[in-house]
C-alpha atoms as a PDB file:
ATOM      1  CA  MET A   1       0.000   0.000   0.000  1.00  0.00           C
ATOM      2  CA  LYS A   2       1.357   3.392  -1.032  1.00  0.00           C
ATOM      3  CA  SER A   3       0.415   6.408   1.088  1.00  0.00           C
ATOM      4  CA  ILE A   4       0.577  10.001  -0.136  1.00  0.00           C
ATOM      5  CA  LEU A   5       0.151  13.308   1.683  1.00  0.00           C
ATOM      6  CA  ILE A   6      -0.784  16.206  -0.620  1.00  0.00           C
ATOM      7  CA  LEU A   7      -0.402  19.692   0.838  1.00  0.00           C
ATOM      8  CA  SER A   8      -1.719  22.755  -0.964  1.00  0.00           C
ATOM      9  CA  THR A   9      -2.389  26.445  -0.426  1.00  0.00           C
ATOM     10  CA  CYS A  10      -5.060  28.733  -1.856  1.00  0.00           C
ATOM     11  CA  TYR A  11      -4.757  32.449  -1.168  1.00  0.00           C
ATOM     12  CA  ASP A  12      -4.207  34.105  -4.556  1.00  0.00           C
ATOM     13  CA  VAL A  13      -4.930  33.550  -8.244  1.00  0.00           C
ATOM     14  CA  ASN A  14      -1.986  31.261  -8.989  1.00  0.00           C
ATOM     15  CA  SER A  15      -2.472  29.110  -5.909  1.00  0.00           C
ATOM     16  CA  SER A  16      -6.187  28.813  -6.694  1.00  0.00           C
ATOM     17  CA  TYR A  17      -5.156  26.980  -9.857  1.00  0.00           C
ATOM     18  CA  THR A  18      -2.650  24.705  -8.131  1.00  0.00           C
ATOM     19  CA  ALA A  19      -5.115  23.994  -5.310  1.00  0.00           C
ATOM     20  CA  SER A  20      -7.537  22.686  -7.931  1.00  0.00           C
ATOM     21  CA  TRP A  21      -4.679  20.598  -9.378  1.00  0.00           C
ATOM     22  CA  ALA A  22      -4.096  19.128  -5.919  1.00  0.00           C
ATOM     23  CA  GLN A  23      -7.763  18.217  -5.559  1.00  0.00           C
ATOM     24  CA  GLU A  24      -7.812  16.520  -8.959  1.00  0.00           C
ATOM     25  CA  LEU A  25      -4.603  14.641  -8.151  1.00  0.00           C
ATOM     26  CA  HIS A  26      -6.123  13.431  -4.885  1.00  0.00           C
ATOM     27  CA  ASP A  27      -9.307  12.310  -6.628  1.00  0.00           C
ATOM     28  CA  ASP A  28      -7.304  10.314  -9.178  1.00  0.00           C
ATOM     29  CA  LEU A  29      -4.922   8.755  -6.662  1.00  0.00           C
ATOM     30  CA  VAL A  30      -7.630   7.466  -4.340  1.00  0.00           C
ATOM     31  CA  ARG A  31      -8.939   5.445  -7.294  1.00  0.00           C
ATOM     32  CA  GLN A  32      -5.589   3.705  -7.766  1.00  0.00           C
ATOM     33  CA  LYS A  33      -5.223   0.165  -6.508  1.00  0.00           C
ATOM     34  CA  ASP A  34      -3.295  -0.199  -3.237  1.00  0.00           C
ATOM     35  CA  THR A  35      -3.055   3.574  -2.737  1.00  0.00           C
ATOM     36  CA  SER A  36      -4.220   5.840   0.071  1.00  0.00           C
ATOM     37  CA  CYS A  37      -4.104   9.604  -0.330  1.00  0.00           C
ATOM     38  CA  PHE A  38      -4.712  12.525   2.027  1.00  0.00           C
ATOM     39  CA  LEU A  39      -5.211  16.175   1.028  1.00  0.00           C
ATOM     40  CA  TYR A  40      -4.752  19.049   3.482  1.00  0.00           C
ATOM     41  CA  ASP A  41      -4.707  22.828   3.373  1.00  0.00           C
ATOM     42  CA  ALA A  42      -1.227  23.915   4.469  1.00  0.00           C
ATOM     43  CA  GLN A  43      -2.441  27.035   6.280  1.00  0.00           C
ATOM     44  CA  TYR A  44      -4.103  24.933   8.972  1.00  0.00           C
ATOM     45  CA  LEU A  45      -1.203  22.533   9.459  1.00  0.00           C
ATOM     46  CA  CYS A  46       1.331  25.329  10.008  1.00  0.00           C
ATOM     47  CA  ARG A  47      -0.541  26.310  13.189  1.00  0.00           C
ATOM     48  CA  SER A  48      -1.226  22.820  14.485  1.00  0.00           C
ATOM     49  CA  GLY A  49       1.835  21.813  16.484  1.00  0.00           C
ATOM     50  CA  THR A  50       2.913  18.278  15.627  1.00  0.00           C
ATOM     51  CA  ALA A  51       0.075  17.590  13.161  1.00  0.00           C
ATOM     52  CA  LEU A  52       2.324  17.736  10.095  1.00  0.00           C
ATOM     53  CA  ALA A  53       4.956  15.483  11.638  1.00  0.00           C
ATOM     54  CA  ASP A  54       2.270  13.002  12.661  1.00  0.00           C
ATOM     55  CA  MET A  55       0.917  12.906   9.110  1.00  0.00           C
ATOM     56  CA  VAL A  56       4.310  12.575   7.449  1.00  0.00           C
ATOM     57  CA  GLU A  57       5.131   9.656   9.731  1.00  0.00           C
ATOM     58  CA  ARG A  58       2.210   7.743   8.222  1.00  0.00           C
ATOM     59  CA  VAL A  59       2.944   8.254   4.512  1.00  0.00           C
ATOM     60  CA  ASP A  60       5.552   7.351   1.895  1.00  0.00           C
ATOM     61  CA  TYR A  61       5.276  10.485  -0.276  1.00  0.00           C
ATOM     62  CA  VAL A  62       4.809  14.194   0.400  1.00  0.00           C
ATOM     63  CA  VAL A  63       3.543  16.431  -2.416  1.00  0.00           C
ATOM     64  CA  PHE A  64       3.336  20.223  -2.088  1.00  0.00           C
ATOM     65  CA  TYR A  65       1.448  22.514  -4.479  1.00  0.00           C
ATOM     66  CA  GLY A  66       1.706  26.210  -3.724  1.00  0.00           C
ATOM     67  CA  HIS A  67       4.231  29.021  -3.383  1.00  0.00           C
ATOM     68  CA  GLY A  68       7.820  28.566  -2.309  1.00  0.00           C
ATOM     69  CA  THR A  69      10.944  30.550  -1.556  1.00  0.00           C
ATOM     70  CA  ASN A  70      14.540  29.415  -1.707  1.00  0.00           C
ATOM     71  CA  ASP A  71      14.299  27.924   1.768  1.00  0.00           C
ATOM     72  CA  SER A  72      10.602  27.380   2.494  1.00  0.00           C
ATOM     73  CA  TRP A  73       7.174  26.263   1.415  1.00  0.00           C
ATOM     74  CA  ILE A  74       4.775  29.089   2.227  1.00  0.00           C
ATOM     75  CA  ALA A  75       1.635  28.240   4.191  1.00  0.00           C
ATOM     76  CA  LEU A  76       0.433  31.823   4.656  1.00  0.00           C
ATOM     77  CA  PRO A  77       1.713  34.841   2.666  1.00  0.00           C
ATOM     78  CA  ASP A  78       3.106  38.185   3.765  1.00  0.00           C
ATOM     79  CA  LEU A  79       0.387  40.462   5.116  1.00  0.00           C
ATOM     80  CA  PRO A  80       1.191  44.142   4.555  1.00  0.00           C
ATOM     81  CA  GLY A  81      -0.380  46.301   7.248  1.00  0.00           C
ATOM     82  CA  ALA A  82      -0.874  50.000   7.827  1.00  0.00           C
ATOM     83  CA  SER A  83       1.978  50.225  10.298  1.00  0.00           C
ATOM     84  CA  ALA A  84       3.830  46.930   9.978  1.00  0.00           C
ATOM     85  CA  LYS A  85       4.244  44.002   7.651  1.00  0.00           C
ATOM     86  CA  VAL A  86       3.334  40.578   8.993  1.00  0.00           C
ATOM     87  CA  ALA A  87       5.833  38.043   7.661  1.00  0.00           C
ATOM     88  CA  ALA A  88       4.901  34.970   5.689  1.00  0.00           C
ATOM     89  CA  ILE A  89       4.456  31.782   7.702  1.00  0.00           C
ATOM     90  CA  PRO A  90       6.221  28.691   6.343  1.00  0.00           C
ATOM     91  CA  LEU A  91       4.808  25.209   6.332  1.00  0.00           C
ATOM     92  CA  VAL A  92       8.329  23.759   6.090  1.00  0.00           C
ATOM     93  CA  ASP A  93      11.609  25.661   5.953  1.00  0.00           C
ATOM     94  CA  SER A  94      15.316  24.919   6.179  1.00  0.00           C
ATOM     95  CA  GLY A  95      15.141  24.956   9.963  1.00  0.00           C
ATOM     96  CA  SER A  96      12.293  22.455  10.112  1.00  0.00           C
ATOM     97  CA  VAL A  97      13.088  20.272   7.084  1.00  0.00           C
ATOM     98  CA  SER A  98      13.600  17.270   9.361  1.00  0.00           C
ATOM     99  CA  VAL A  99       9.791  17.088   9.595  1.00  0.00           C
ATOM    100  CA  LEU A 100       9.841  15.549   6.094  1.00  0.00           C
ATOM    101  CA  ASN A 101      11.533  12.556   7.721  1.00  0.00           C
ATOM    102  CA  GLY A 102      13.214  11.162   4.613  1.00  0.00           C
ATOM    103  CA  ARG A 103       9.995  10.743   2.659  1.00  0.00           C
ATOM    104  CA  LYS A 104       9.941  10.979  -1.125  1.00  0.00           C
ATOM    105  CA  VAL A 105       9.117  14.612  -1.840  1.00  0.00           C
ATOM    106  CA  TYR A 106       7.602  16.379  -4.859  1.00  0.00           C
ATOM    107  CA  ALA A 107       7.713  20.182  -4.587  1.00  0.00           C
ATOM    108  CA  GLY A 108       5.399  21.732  -7.170  1.00  0.00           C
ATOM    109  CA  CYS A 109       6.441  25.273  -6.363  1.00  0.00           C
ATOM    110  CA  CYS A 110       9.072  27.921  -7.074  1.00  0.00           C
ATOM    111  CA  TRP A 111      12.652  27.897  -5.864  1.00  0.00           C
ATOM    112  CA  SER A 112      12.771  25.019  -3.407  1.00  0.00           C
ATOM    113  CA  LEU A 113      15.223  22.689  -5.180  1.00  0.00           C
ATOM    114  CA  ASN A 114      18.503  24.403  -4.373  1.00  0.00           C
ATOM    115  CA  GLY A 115      17.713  25.792  -0.919  1.00  0.00           C
ATOM    116  CA  LEU A 116      15.220  23.592   0.874  1.00  0.00           C
ATOM    117  CA  GLY A 117      16.108  20.691  -1.425  1.00  0.00           C
ATOM    118  CA  ASN A 118      19.788  20.917  -0.547  1.00  0.00           C
ATOM    119  CA  ASP A 119      19.010  21.083   3.170  1.00  0.00           C
ATOM    120  CA  TYR A 120      16.733  18.074   2.807  1.00  0.00           C
ATOM    121  CA  HIS A 121      19.457  16.139   0.970  1.00  0.00           C
ATOM    122  CA  VAL A 122      22.028  16.922   3.672  1.00  0.00           C
ATOM    123  CA  LYS A 123      19.604  15.741   6.344  1.00  0.00           C
ATOM    124  CA  PHE A 124      18.414  12.694   4.391  1.00  0.00           C
ATOM    125  CA  PRO A 125      21.073  11.670   1.835  1.00  0.00           C
ATOM    126  CA  ALA A 126      19.016   8.688   0.688  1.00  0.00           C
ATOM    127  CA  GLY A 127      15.833  10.726   0.358  1.00  0.00           C
ATOM    128  CA  GLU A 128      14.435  11.790  -3.015  1.00  0.00           C
ATOM    129  CA  PHE A 129      13.308  15.330  -3.817  1.00  0.00           C
ATOM    130  CA  VAL A 130      11.839  16.710  -7.058  1.00  0.00           C
ATOM    131  CA  GLY A 131      11.645  20.478  -7.485  1.00  0.00           C
ATOM    132  CA  TYR A 132      12.528  23.646  -9.376  1.00  0.00           C
ATOM    133  CA  SER A 133      15.675  25.733  -9.016  1.00  0.00           C
ATOM    134  CA  ASP A 134      13.909  28.998  -9.913  1.00  0.00           C
ATOM    135  CA  VAL A 135      10.351  30.115 -10.643  1.00  0.00           C
ATOM    136  CA  PHE A 136       7.934  27.350 -11.648  1.00  0.00           C
ATOM    137  CA  GLY A 137       5.250  28.697 -13.940  1.00  0.00           C
ATOM    138  CA  PHE A 138       2.202  28.098 -16.066  1.00  0.00           C
ATOM    139  CA  GLU A 139       0.222  30.297 -18.425  1.00  0.00           C
ATOM    140  CA  SER A 140      -3.242  30.697 -16.942  1.00  0.00           C
ATOM    141  CA  TYR A 141      -5.280  30.541 -20.147  1.00  0.00           C
ATOM    142  CA  ASN A 142      -3.568  27.249 -21.021  1.00  0.00           C
ATOM    143  CA  GLU A 143      -3.093  25.947 -17.494  1.00  0.00           C
ATOM    144  CA  LYS A 144      -4.675  22.569 -18.201  1.00  0.00           C
ATOM    145  CA  TYR A 145      -1.736  21.555 -20.411  1.00  0.00           C
ATOM    146  CA  PHE A 146       0.711  22.400 -17.624  1.00  0.00           C
ATOM    147  CA  LYS A 147      -1.469  20.598 -15.077  1.00  0.00           C
ATOM    148  CA  GLU A 148      -1.533  17.426 -17.174  1.00  0.00           C
ATOM    149  CA  ILE A 149       2.278  17.237 -17.222  1.00  0.00           C
ATOM    150  CA  VAL A 150       2.658  17.887 -13.498  1.00  0.00           C
ATOM    151  CA  HIS A 151      -0.182  15.505 -12.661  1.00  0.00           C
ATOM    152  CA  GLN A 152       1.255  12.590 -14.627  1.00  0.00           C
ATOM    153  CA  SER A 153       4.754  13.164 -13.257  1.00  0.00           C
ATOM    154  CA  VAL A 154       3.500  12.902  -9.665  1.00  0.00           C
ATOM    155  CA  ILE A 155       1.655   9.685 -10.503  1.00  0.00           C
ATOM    156  CA  SER A 156       4.796   8.245 -12.137  1.00  0.00           C
ATOM    157  CA  PHE A 157       6.837   9.165  -9.037  1.00  0.00           C
ATOM    158  CA  ILE A 158       4.334   7.466  -6.764  1.00  0.00           C
ATOM    159  CA  ASN A 159       4.238   4.412  -9.018  1.00  0.00           C
ATOM    160  CA  GLY A 160       7.964   3.818  -8.751  1.00  0.00           C
ATOM    161  CA  ASP A 161      10.057   6.159 -10.923  1.00  0.00           C
ATOM    162  CA  THR A 162      13.012   7.718  -9.128  1.00  0.00           C
ATOM    163  CA  ALA A 163      13.299  11.459  -8.548  1.00  0.00           C
ATOM    164  CA  ALA A 164      16.116  11.617 -11.102  1.00  0.00           C
ATOM    165  CA  THR A 165      13.975   9.840 -13.699  1.00  0.00           C
ATOM    166  CA  ILE A 166      11.044  12.160 -12.990  1.00  0.00           C
ATOM    167  CA  ALA A 167      13.264  15.235 -13.454  1.00  0.00           C
ATOM    168  CA  THR A 168      14.689  13.881 -16.723  1.00  0.00           C
ATOM    169  CA  ASN A 169      11.238  13.028 -18.045  1.00  0.00           C
ATOM    170  CA  LEU A 170       9.806  16.378 -16.982  1.00  0.00           C
ATOM    171  CA  LYS A 171      12.546  18.209 -18.817  1.00  0.00           C
ATOM    172  CA  ALA A 172      11.557  16.339 -21.975  1.00  0.00           C
ATOM    173  CA  GLU A 173       7.836  16.912 -21.358  1.00  0.00           C
ATOM    174  CA  TRP A 174       8.287  20.651 -20.841  1.00  0.00           C
ATOM    175  CA  ASP A 175      10.388  20.843 -24.011  1.00  0.00           C
ATOM    176  CA  ALA A 176       7.696  18.962 -25.920  1.00  0.00           C
ATOM    177  CA  LEU A 177       4.994  21.294 -24.589  1.00  0.00           C
ATOM    178  CA  ARG A 178       7.055  24.284 -25.618  1.00  0.00           C
ATOM    179  CA  ALA A 179       7.263  22.842 -29.160  1.00  0.00           C
ATOM    180  CA  ARG A 180       3.514  22.240 -29.250  1.00  0.00           C
ATOM    181  CA  PHE A 181       2.829  25.880 -28.404  1.00  0.00           C
ATOM    182  CA  TYR A 182       5.595  27.236 -30.613  1.00  0.00           C
ATOM    183  CA  SER A 183       5.050  25.283 -33.824  1.00  0.00           C
ATOM    184  CA  GLY A 184       2.781  22.321 -33.107  1.00  0.00           C
ATOM    185  CA  ASN A 185      -0.889  21.625 -32.535  1.00  0.00           C
ATOM    186  CA  LEU A 186      -1.280  24.316 -29.837  1.00  0.00           C
ATOM    187  CA  ARG A 187       0.335  27.155 -31.776  1.00  0.00           C
ATOM    188  CA  THR A 188      -2.992  28.860 -32.573  1.00  0.00           C
ATOM    189  CA  ARG A 189      -4.199  28.977 -28.973  1.00  0.00           C
ATOM    190  CA  GLN A 190      -4.473  32.287 -27.167  1.00  0.00           C
ATOM    191  CA  ASN A 191      -1.200  33.284 -25.455  1.00  0.00           C
ATOM    192  CA  ALA A 192       0.643  30.419 -27.161  1.00  0.00           C
ATOM    193  CA  ALA A 193       3.930  32.355 -27.342  1.00  0.00           C
ATOM    194  CA  MET A 194       3.886  33.092 -23.620  1.00  0.00           C
ATOM    195  CA  ALA A 195       2.937  29.506 -22.790  1.00  0.00           C
ATOM    196  CA  ALA A 196       5.850  28.259 -24.922  1.00  0.00           C
ATOM    197  CA  LYS A 197       8.257  30.526 -23.029  1.00  0.00           C
ATOM    198  CA  VAL A 198       7.015  29.380 -19.632  1.00  0.00           C
ATOM    199  CA  ALA A 199       7.274  25.711 -20.610  1.00  0.00           C
ATOM    200  CA  LYS A 200      10.853  26.280 -21.783  1.00  0.00           C
ATOM    201  CA  LEU A 201      11.788  27.888 -18.453  1.00  0.00           C
ATOM    202  CA  ASN A 202      10.257  24.985 -16.535  1.00  0.00           C
ATOM    203  CA  SER A 203      12.404  22.608 -18.590  1.00  0.00           C
ATOM    204  CA  GLN A 204      15.536  24.516 -17.646  1.00  0.00           C
ATOM    205  CA  ARG A 205      14.698  24.646 -13.941  1.00  0.00           C
ATOM    206  CA  ILE A 206      13.403  21.180 -13.065  1.00  0.00           C
ATOM    207  CA  GLY A 207      15.768  18.957 -11.110  1.00  0.00           C
ATOM    208  CA  SER A 208      16.118  16.437  -8.304  1.00  0.00           C
ATOM    209  CA  LYS A 209      18.047  15.495  -5.189  1.00  0.00           C
ATOM    210  CA  PRO A 210      19.962  13.257  -5.400  1.00  0.00           C
END
Protein backbone atom coordinates (compact mmCIF):
# COMPACT_ATOMS: atom_id res chain seq x y z
CA MET A 1 0.00 0.00 0.00
CA LYS A 2 1.36 3.39 -1.03
CA SER A 3 0.42 6.41 1.09
CA ILE A 4 0.58 10.00 -0.14
CA LEU A 5 0.15 13.31 1.68
CA ILE A 6 -0.78 16.21 -0.62
CA LEU A 7 -0.40 19.69 0.84
CA SER A 8 -1.72 22.75 -0.96
CA THR A 9 -2.39 26.45 -0.43
CA CYS A 10 -5.06 28.73 -1.86
CA TYR A 11 -4.76 32.45 -1.17
CA ASP A 12 -4.21 34.10 -4.56
CA VAL A 13 -4.93 33.55 -8.24
CA ASN A 14 -1.99 31.26 -8.99
CA SER A 15 -2.47 29.11 -5.91
CA SER A 16 -6.19 28.81 -6.69
CA TYR A 17 -5.16 26.98 -9.86
CA THR A 18 -2.65 24.70 -8.13
CA ALA A 19 -5.11 23.99 -5.31
CA SER A 20 -7.54 22.69 -7.93
CA TRP A 21 -4.68 20.60 -9.38
CA ALA A 22 -4.10 19.13 -5.92
CA GLN A 23 -7.76 18.22 -5.56
CA GLU A 24 -7.81 16.52 -8.96
CA LEU A 25 -4.60 14.64 -8.15
CA HIS A 26 -6.12 13.43 -4.88
CA ASP A 27 -9.31 12.31 -6.63
CA ASP A 28 -7.30 10.31 -9.18
CA LEU A 29 -4.92 8.76 -6.66
CA VAL A 30 -7.63 7.47 -4.34
CA ARG A 31 -8.94 5.44 -7.29
CA GLN A 32 -5.59 3.71 -7.77
CA LYS A 33 -5.22 0.16 -6.51
CA ASP A 34 -3.30 -0.20 -3.24
CA THR A 35 -3.06 3.57 -2.74
CA SER A 36 -4.22 5.84 0.07
CA CYS A 37 -4.10 9.60 -0.33
CA PHE A 38 -4.71 12.53 2.03
CA LEU A 39 -5.21 16.18 1.03
CA TYR A 40 -4.75 19.05 3.48
CA ASP A 41 -4.71 22.83 3.37
CA ALA A 42 -1.23 23.92 4.47
CA GLN A 43 -2.44 27.04 6.28
CA TYR A 44 -4.10 24.93 8.97
CA LEU A 45 -1.20 22.53 9.46
CA CYS A 46 1.33 25.33 10.01
CA ARG A 47 -0.54 26.31 13.19
CA SER A 48 -1.23 22.82 14.49
CA GLY A 49 1.83 21.81 16.48
CA THR A 50 2.91 18.28 15.63
CA ALA A 51 0.07 17.59 13.16
CA LEU A 52 2.32 17.74 10.10
CA ALA A 53 4.96 15.48 11.64
CA ASP A 54 2.27 13.00 12.66
CA MET A 55 0.92 12.91 9.11
CA VAL A 56 4.31 12.57 7.45
CA GLU A 57 5.13 9.66 9.73
CA ARG A 58 2.21 7.74 8.22
CA VAL A 59 2.94 8.25 4.51
CA ASP A 60 5.55 7.35 1.89
CA TYR A 61 5.28 10.49 -0.28
CA VAL A 62 4.81 14.19 0.40
CA VAL A 63 3.54 16.43 -2.42
CA PHE A 64 3.34 20.22 -2.09
CA TYR A 65 1.45 22.51 -4.48
CA GLY A 66 1.71 26.21 -3.72
CA HIS A 67 4.23 29.02 -3.38
CA GLY A 68 7.82 28.57 -2.31
CA THR A 69 10.94 30.55 -1.56
CA ASN A 70 14.54 29.41 -1.71
CA ASP A 71 14.30 27.92 1.77
CA SER A 72 10.60 27.38 2.49
CA TRP A 73 7.17 26.26 1.41
CA ILE A 74 4.77 29.09 2.23
CA ALA A 75 1.64 28.24 4.19
CA LEU A 76 0.43 31.82 4.66
CA PRO A 77 1.71 34.84 2.67
CA ASP A 78 3.11 38.18 3.76
CA LEU A 79 0.39 40.46 5.12
CA PRO A 80 1.19 44.14 4.56
CA GLY A 81 -0.38 46.30 7.25
CA ALA A 82 -0.87 50.00 7.83
CA SER A 83 1.98 50.22 10.30
CA ALA A 84 3.83 46.93 9.98
CA LYS A 85 4.24 44.00 7.65
CA VAL A 86 3.33 40.58 8.99
CA ALA A 87 5.83 38.04 7.66
CA ALA A 88 4.90 34.97 5.69
CA ILE A 89 4.46 31.78 7.70
CA PRO A 90 6.22 28.69 6.34
CA LEU A 91 4.81 25.21 6.33
CA VAL A 92 8.33 23.76 6.09
CA ASP A 93 11.61 25.66 5.95
CA SER A 94 15.32 24.92 6.18
CA GLY A 95 15.14 24.96 9.96
CA SER A 96 12.29 22.46 10.11
CA VAL A 97 13.09 20.27 7.08
CA SER A 98 13.60 17.27 9.36
CA VAL A 99 9.79 17.09 9.59
CA LEU A 100 9.84 15.55 6.09
CA ASN A 101 11.53 12.56 7.72
CA GLY A 102 13.21 11.16 4.61
CA ARG A 103 9.99 10.74 2.66
CA LYS A 104 9.94 10.98 -1.12
CA VAL A 105 9.12 14.61 -1.84
CA TYR A 106 7.60 16.38 -4.86
CA ALA A 107 7.71 20.18 -4.59
CA GLY A 108 5.40 21.73 -7.17
CA CYS A 109 6.44 25.27 -6.36
CA CYS A 110 9.07 27.92 -7.07
CA TRP A 111 12.65 27.90 -5.86
CA SER A 112 12.77 25.02 -3.41
CA LEU A 113 15.22 22.69 -5.18
CA ASN A 114 18.50 24.40 -4.37
CA GLY A 115 17.71 25.79 -0.92
CA LEU A 116 15.22 23.59 0.87
CA GLY A 117 16.11 20.69 -1.42
CA ASN A 118 19.79 20.92 -0.55
CA ASP A 119 19.01 21.08 3.17
CA TYR A 120 16.73 18.07 2.81
CA HIS A 121 19.46 16.14 0.97
CA VAL A 122 22.03 16.92 3.67
CA LYS A 123 19.60 15.74 6.34
CA PHE A 124 18.41 12.69 4.39
CA PRO A 125 21.07 11.67 1.84
CA ALA A 126 19.02 8.69 0.69
CA GLY A 127 15.83 10.73 0.36
CA GLU A 128 14.43 11.79 -3.02
CA PHE A 129 13.31 15.33 -3.82
CA VAL A 130 11.84 16.71 -7.06
CA GLY A 131 11.65 20.48 -7.49
CA TYR A 132 12.53 23.65 -9.38
CA SER A 133 15.67 25.73 -9.02
CA ASP A 134 13.91 29.00 -9.91
CA VAL A 135 10.35 30.11 -10.64
CA PHE A 136 7.93 27.35 -11.65
CA GLY A 137 5.25 28.70 -13.94
CA PHE A 138 2.20 28.10 -16.07
CA GLU A 139 0.22 30.30 -18.42
CA SER A 140 -3.24 30.70 -16.94
CA TYR A 141 -5.28 30.54 -20.15
CA ASN A 142 -3.57 27.25 -21.02
CA GLU A 143 -3.09 25.95 -17.49
CA LYS A 144 -4.67 22.57 -18.20
CA TYR A 145 -1.74 21.55 -20.41
CA PHE A 146 0.71 22.40 -17.62
CA LYS A 147 -1.47 20.60 -15.08
CA GLU A 148 -1.53 17.43 -17.17
CA ILE A 149 2.28 17.24 -17.22
CA VAL A 150 2.66 17.89 -13.50
CA HIS A 151 -0.18 15.50 -12.66
CA GLN A 152 1.26 12.59 -14.63
CA SER A 153 4.75 13.16 -13.26
CA VAL A 154 3.50 12.90 -9.67
CA ILE A 155 1.66 9.68 -10.50
CA SER A 156 4.80 8.25 -12.14
CA PHE A 157 6.84 9.17 -9.04
CA ILE A 158 4.33 7.47 -6.76
CA ASN A 159 4.24 4.41 -9.02
CA GLY A 160 7.96 3.82 -8.75
CA ASP A 161 10.06 6.16 -10.92
CA THR A 162 13.01 7.72 -9.13
CA ALA A 163 13.30 11.46 -8.55
CA ALA A 164 16.12 11.62 -11.10
CA THR A 165 13.98 9.84 -13.70
CA ILE A 166 11.04 12.16 -12.99
CA ALA A 167 13.26 15.23 -13.45
CA THR A 168 14.69 13.88 -16.72
CA ASN A 169 11.24 13.03 -18.04
CA LEU A 170 9.81 16.38 -16.98
CA LYS A 171 12.55 18.21 -18.82
CA ALA A 172 11.56 16.34 -21.98
CA GLU A 173 7.84 16.91 -21.36
CA TRP A 174 8.29 20.65 -20.84
CA ASP A 175 10.39 20.84 -24.01
CA ALA A 176 7.70 18.96 -25.92
CA LEU A 177 4.99 21.29 -24.59
CA ARG A 178 7.05 24.28 -25.62
CA ALA A 179 7.26 22.84 -29.16
CA ARG A 180 3.51 22.24 -29.25
CA PHE A 181 2.83 25.88 -28.40
CA TYR A 182 5.59 27.24 -30.61
CA SER A 183 5.05 25.28 -33.82
CA GLY A 184 2.78 22.32 -33.11
CA ASN A 185 -0.89 21.63 -32.53
CA LEU A 186 -1.28 24.32 -29.84
CA ARG A 187 0.34 27.15 -31.78
CA THR A 188 -2.99 28.86 -32.57
CA ARG A 189 -4.20 28.98 -28.97
CA GLN A 190 -4.47 32.29 -27.17
CA ASN A 191 -1.20 33.28 -25.45
CA ALA A 192 0.64 30.42 -27.16
CA ALA A 193 3.93 32.35 -27.34
CA MET A 194 3.89 33.09 -23.62
CA ALA A 195 2.94 29.51 -22.79
CA ALA A 196 5.85 28.26 -24.92
CA LYS A 197 8.26 30.53 -23.03
CA VAL A 198 7.02 29.38 -19.63
CA ALA A 199 7.27 25.71 -20.61
CA LYS A 200 10.85 26.28 -21.78
CA LEU A 201 11.79 27.89 -18.45
CA ASN A 202 10.26 24.99 -16.54
CA SER A 203 12.40 22.61 -18.59
CA GLN A 204 15.54 24.52 -17.65
CA ARG A 205 14.70 24.65 -13.94
CA ILE A 206 13.40 21.18 -13.07
CA GLY A 207 15.77 18.96 -11.11
CA SER A 208 16.12 16.44 -8.30
CA LYS A 209 18.05 15.49 -5.19
CA PRO A 210 19.96 13.26 -5.40
